């Protein structure tokens, strides 16, 4: 679960990096400005960056919980896969959206990460199963 979460964080970071490169490097010929000059696009990227950073911080905390053998370790492990996996879906979707039709070109590099994020989301245990476990933990019920 932790490795899946780390992969999801990497997918998000990669998708944002590639989307930003595309946005900064693509210009509207008739306006002589880049897609990155659009405030709406920057707002989408800002939200995606916040989501990515949130998952990264949770991943770091999960690793720290494992290393310190904290009481909340099991809960953190369950949470991080669900959070990072679902967040990767949102962030890669945003990367596709802001890149527009060009996002489907292999040279932009976003479409592969979009696809990989979706593949990761269906790997067991799925987020829906994890949400049940997390709900049990929150209620003090046995997980298994």
Protein backbone atom coordinates (compact mmCIF):
# COMPACT_ATOMS: atom_id res chain seq x y z
CA UNK A 1 0.00 0.00 0.00
CA UNK A 2 2.80 2.43 0.86
CA UNK A 3 4.62 1.65 -2.39
CA UNK A 4 1.40 2.17 -4.34
CA UNK A 5 1.00 5.53 -2.62
CA UNK A 6 4.58 6.48 -3.46
CA UNK A 7 3.93 5.58 -7.10
CA UNK A 8 0.79 7.72 -7.07
CA UNK A 9 2.71 10.68 -5.66
CA UNK A 10 5.34 10.22 -8.36
CA UNK A 11 2.64 10.11 -11.04
CA UNK A 12 1.16 13.35 -9.75
CA UNK A 13 4.51 15.11 -9.63
CA UNK A 14 5.41 13.89 -13.11
CA UNK A 15 2.05 14.89 -14.59
CA UNK A 16 2.31 18.38 -13.10
CA UNK A 17 5.88 18.81 -14.33
CA UNK A 18 4.96 17.76 -17.86
CA UNK A 19 1.77 19.82 -17.90
CA UNK A 20 3.65 22.93 -16.74
CA UNK A 21 6.31 22.42 -19.41
CA UNK A 22 3.63 22.12 -22.08
CA UNK A 23 1.67 25.13 -20.82
CA UNK A 24 4.70 27.39 -20.59
CA UNK A 25 6.02 26.30 -23.97
CA UNK A 26 2.81 26.50 -25.98
CA UNK A 27 1.85 29.89 -27.35
CA UNK A 28 -1.26 31.28 -28.95
CA UNK A 29 0.06 32.71 -32.22
CA UNK A 30 -2.71 35.28 -32.57
CA UNK A 31 -2.25 36.59 -29.00
CA UNK A 32 1.48 36.00 -28.53
CA UNK A 33 1.01 34.59 -25.05
CA UNK A 34 1.18 31.14 -23.50
CA UNK A 35 -1.57 28.98 -22.09
CA UNK A 36 0.12 29.57 -18.71
CA UNK A 37 -0.87 33.23 -18.98
CA UNK A 38 -4.51 32.28 -18.40
CA UNK A 39 -5.54 32.77 -14.72
CA UNK A 40 -8.00 29.87 -14.86
CA UNK A 41 -5.24 27.49 -15.94
CA UNK A 42 -2.99 28.70 -13.12
CA UNK A 43 -5.82 28.18 -10.62
CA UNK A 44 -6.30 24.59 -11.82
CA UNK A 45 -2.57 24.00 -11.41
CA UNK A 46 -2.54 25.59 -7.96
CA UNK A 47 -5.27 23.25 -6.74
CA UNK A 48 -3.50 20.25 -8.27
CA UNK A 49 -0.21 21.24 -6.61
CA UNK A 50 -1.91 21.55 -3.22
CA UNK A 51 -3.47 18.10 -3.68
CA UNK A 52 -0.13 16.61 -4.71
CA UNK A 53 1.68 18.17 -1.75
CA UNK A 54 -1.03 16.92 0.61
CA UNK A 55 -0.52 13.34 -0.55
CA UNK A 56 3.25 13.71 -0.34
CA UNK A 57 3.07 14.95 3.26
CA UNK A 58 0.75 12.09 4.19
CA UNK A 59 3.17 9.63 2.58
CA UNK A 60 6.07 11.07 4.58
CA UNK A 61 4.03 10.83 7.78
CA UNK A 62 3.13 7.22 7.01
CA UNK A 63 6.78 6.30 6.54
CA UNK A 64 7.59 8.07 9.82
CA UNK A 65 4.79 6.14 11.56
CA UNK A 66 6.21 2.85 10.28
CA UNK A 67 9.75 3.76 11.35
CA UNK A 68 8.64 4.85 14.82
CA UNK A 69 6.16 1.97 15.18
CA UNK A 70 3.48 4.47 16.15
CA UNK A 71 0.09 3.32 17.34
CA UNK A 72 -1.56 4.86 14.26
CA UNK A 73 0.67 3.03 11.77
CA UNK A 74 -1.99 0.66 10.42
CA UNK A 75 -4.48 3.49 10.00
CA UNK A 76 -1.89 5.63 8.20
CA UNK A 77 -0.99 2.78 5.83
CA UNK A 78 -4.64 2.31 4.91
CA UNK A 79 -5.25 6.05 4.56
CA UNK A 80 -2.21 6.83 2.43
CA UNK A 81 -3.05 4.38 -0.34
CA UNK A 82 -6.64 5.61 -0.55
CA UNK A 83 -5.68 9.28 -0.36
CA UNK A 84 -2.76 9.14 -2.79
CA UNK A 85 -4.61 6.93 -5.25
CA UNK A 86 -7.73 9.06 -5.36
CA UNK A 87 -5.71 12.27 -5.42
CA UNK A 88 -3.64 10.96 -8.33
CA UNK A 89 -6.88 10.49 -10.27
CA UNK A 90 -7.82 14.12 -9.66
CA UNK A 91 -4.37 15.57 -10.35
CA UNK A 92 -3.77 13.63 -13.56
CA UNK A 93 -7.28 14.56 -14.70
CA UNK A 94 -6.39 18.21 -14.12
CA UNK A 95 -3.14 17.79 -16.07
CA UNK A 96 -5.13 16.38 -18.98
CA UNK A 97 -7.69 19.18 -18.76
CA UNK A 98 -5.22 22.06 -18.72
CA UNK A 99 -3.23 20.60 -21.62
CA UNK A 100 -6.38 20.22 -23.71
CA UNK A 101 -6.31 18.01 -26.77
CA UNK A 102 -2.50 18.06 -26.78
CA UNK A 103 -2.59 15.98 -23.58
CA UNK A 104 -3.35 12.92 -25.69
CA UNK A 105 -0.10 13.29 -27.63
CA UNK A 106 2.59 10.96 -26.36
CA UNK A 107 5.27 13.67 -26.61
CA UNK A 108 3.47 15.78 -23.99
CA UNK A 109 3.80 12.84 -21.58
CA UNK A 110 0.62 13.35 -19.57
CA UNK A 111 -1.64 10.67 -21.08
CA UNK A 112 0.51 7.80 -19.80
CA UNK A 113 0.39 9.11 -16.25
CA UNK A 114 -3.35 9.64 -16.53
CA UNK A 115 -3.73 6.00 -17.58
CA UNK A 116 -1.33 4.71 -14.92
CA UNK A 117 -3.19 6.59 -12.17
CA UNK A 118 -6.37 4.85 -13.25
CA UNK A 119 -4.68 1.47 -13.24
CA UNK A 120 -3.33 2.07 -9.74
CA UNK A 121 -6.80 2.95 -8.47
CA UNK A 122 -8.16 -0.51 -9.24
CA UNK A 123 -5.29 -2.41 -7.64
CA UNK A 124 -6.35 -4.26 -4.51
CA UNK A 125 -7.19 -3.15 -2.00
CA UNK A 126 -9.29 -0.57 -3.83
CA UNK A 127 -10.14 2.76 -2.25
CA UNK A 128 -13.69 1.59 -1.53
CA UNK A 129 -12.37 -1.39 0.45
CA UNK A 130 -9.87 0.85 2.23
CA UNK A 131 -12.62 3.31 3.16
CA UNK A 132 -14.46 0.46 4.88
CA UNK A 133 -11.33 -0.51 6.84
CA UNK A 134 -10.65 3.12 7.74
CA UNK A 135 -14.26 3.56 8.86
CA UNK A 136 -13.96 0.49 11.07
CA UNK A 137 -10.74 1.85 12.57
CA UNK A 138 -12.36 5.23 13.26
CA UNK A 139 -15.25 3.45 15.00
CA UNK A 140 -12.90 1.24 17.02
CA UNK A 141 -14.13 -1.91 15.28
CA UNK A 142 -11.83 -4.81 14.40
CA UNK A 143 -10.38 -4.36 10.90
CA UNK A 144 -10.36 -8.03 9.96
